[in-house]
Amino acid sequence: MRKATARAQPRIELGQYIVADPAICHGQPTFKGTRIMVWQVLDDVADGRSWDFICNVRWSGKVPLAAVAEAVKLAETAWLGPDAPKGRRSSAPVLA
């Protein structure tokens, strides 16, 4: 019988505020220094909550505004790819 070898997976820095660490939340992307998963904040954005509410009320100041912006940009790159044109893609008004 072959013995399983434990191979340590490296921590992956996905940005200034976001990290994927196998030792934290099973390697799901989280905001550094927290166990708040990026998908949770993106879900709040998708639900139409203001970024100010997300940062200051929902997550009690643990997620800075710049971290929410980084999460949205990361999601955009994951969805559209790194070679997608930058800037607004729609003429629809931006909701604040």
Protein backbone atom coordinates (compact mmCIF):
# COMPACT_ATOMS: atom_id res chain seq x y z
CA MET A 1 0.00 0.00 0.00
CA ARG A 2 1.34 3.38 -1.02
CA LYS A 3 1.57 6.07 1.61
CA ALA A 4 0.04 9.42 0.66
CA THR A 5 2.52 12.25 0.79
CA ALA A 6 1.34 15.59 2.04
CA ARG A 7 2.39 18.26 -0.36
CA ALA A 8 2.10 21.79 0.93
CA GLN A 9 0.26 23.98 -1.52
CA PRO A 10 1.64 27.49 -1.77
CA ARG A 11 -0.22 30.61 -0.76
CA ILE A 12 -1.20 32.51 -3.90
CA GLU A 13 -1.27 36.30 -3.82
CA LEU A 14 -4.07 37.32 -6.17
CA GLY A 15 -3.68 41.03 -5.51
CA GLN A 16 -2.88 43.57 -2.85
CA TYR A 17 -5.96 42.57 -0.82
CA ILE A 18 -6.82 39.05 -1.98
CA VAL A 19 -5.09 35.74 -1.28
CA ALA A 20 -5.81 32.05 -1.83
CA ASP A 21 -4.25 30.06 1.00
CA PRO A 22 -4.97 26.33 1.38
CA ALA A 23 -4.78 26.77 5.16
CA ILE A 24 -7.61 29.33 5.12
CA CYS A 25 -11.16 28.50 3.95
CA HIS A 26 -9.94 25.48 1.94
CA GLY A 27 -7.98 27.71 -0.44
CA GLN A 28 -10.95 29.84 -1.50
CA PRO A 29 -9.92 33.43 -2.31
CA THR A 30 -10.26 35.56 0.83
CA PHE A 31 -9.40 39.10 1.83
CA LYS A 32 -6.02 39.18 3.55
CA GLY A 33 -6.18 38.99 7.32
CA THR A 34 -9.79 37.76 7.29
CA ARG A 35 -11.84 34.68 6.59
CA ILE A 36 -14.20 36.72 4.43
CA MET A 37 -14.39 35.01 1.07
CA VAL A 38 -14.31 37.08 -2.10
CA TRP A 39 -17.46 35.40 -3.42
CA GLN A 40 -19.38 36.72 -0.40
CA VAL A 41 -18.50 40.32 -1.23
CA LEU A 42 -19.16 39.78 -4.95
CA ASP A 43 -22.55 38.36 -4.01
CA ASP A 44 -23.27 41.56 -2.06
CA VAL A 45 -22.25 43.65 -5.10
CA ALA A 46 -24.47 41.53 -7.37
CA ASP A 47 -27.38 42.02 -4.94
CA GLY A 48 -27.05 45.78 -5.46
CA ARG A 49 -25.69 46.73 -2.06
CA SER A 50 -23.58 49.88 -2.07
CA TRP A 51 -19.85 49.41 -1.66
CA ASP A 52 -19.96 51.71 1.36
CA PHE A 53 -22.59 49.46 2.99
CA ILE A 54 -20.57 46.34 2.13
CA CYS A 55 -17.38 47.75 3.64
CA ASN A 56 -18.67 49.57 6.69
CA VAL A 57 -21.88 47.81 7.71
CA ARG A 58 -21.93 44.27 6.33
CA TRP A 59 -18.26 43.53 7.07
CA SER A 60 -17.73 46.10 9.87
CA GLY A 61 -14.75 47.83 8.24
CA LYS A 62 -12.77 44.59 7.76
CA VAL A 63 -12.88 44.93 3.95
CA PRO A 64 -11.63 48.28 2.60
CA LEU A 65 -13.27 49.94 -0.39
CA ALA A 66 -10.14 49.33 -2.48
CA ALA A 67 -10.44 45.60 -1.71
CA VAL A 68 -13.99 45.52 -3.10
CA ALA A 69 -12.76 47.26 -6.25
CA GLU A 70 -9.95 44.71 -6.54
CA ALA A 71 -12.43 41.84 -6.16
CA VAL A 72 -14.65 43.25 -8.91
CA LYS A 73 -11.63 43.69 -11.22
CA LEU A 74 -10.45 40.16 -10.46
CA ALA A 75 -13.92 38.81 -11.28
CA GLU A 76 -13.99 40.85 -14.49
CA THR A 77 -10.64 39.42 -15.58
CA ALA A 78 -11.72 35.88 -14.67
CA TRP A 79 -14.96 36.27 -16.64
CA LEU A 80 -13.74 38.20 -19.70
CA GLY A 81 -10.09 37.18 -19.77
CA PRO A 82 -6.94 39.27 -19.37
CA ASP A 83 -7.01 40.49 -23.00
CA ALA A 84 -10.51 41.99 -22.85
CA PRO A 85 -10.74 45.70 -23.71
CA LYS A 86 -10.63 47.99 -20.69
CA GLY A 87 -13.22 50.60 -19.73
CA ARG A 88 -17.00 50.68 -19.83
CA ARG A 89 -18.62 48.10 -22.04
CA SER A 90 -22.16 49.42 -21.85
CA SER A 91 -23.96 52.67 -22.39
CA ALA A 92 -26.28 51.85 -19.49
CA PRO A 93 -26.03 54.22 -16.52
CA VAL A 94 -23.86 53.13 -13.63
CA LEU A 95 -25.82 52.72 -10.41
CA ALA A 96 -24.15 54.01 -7.27
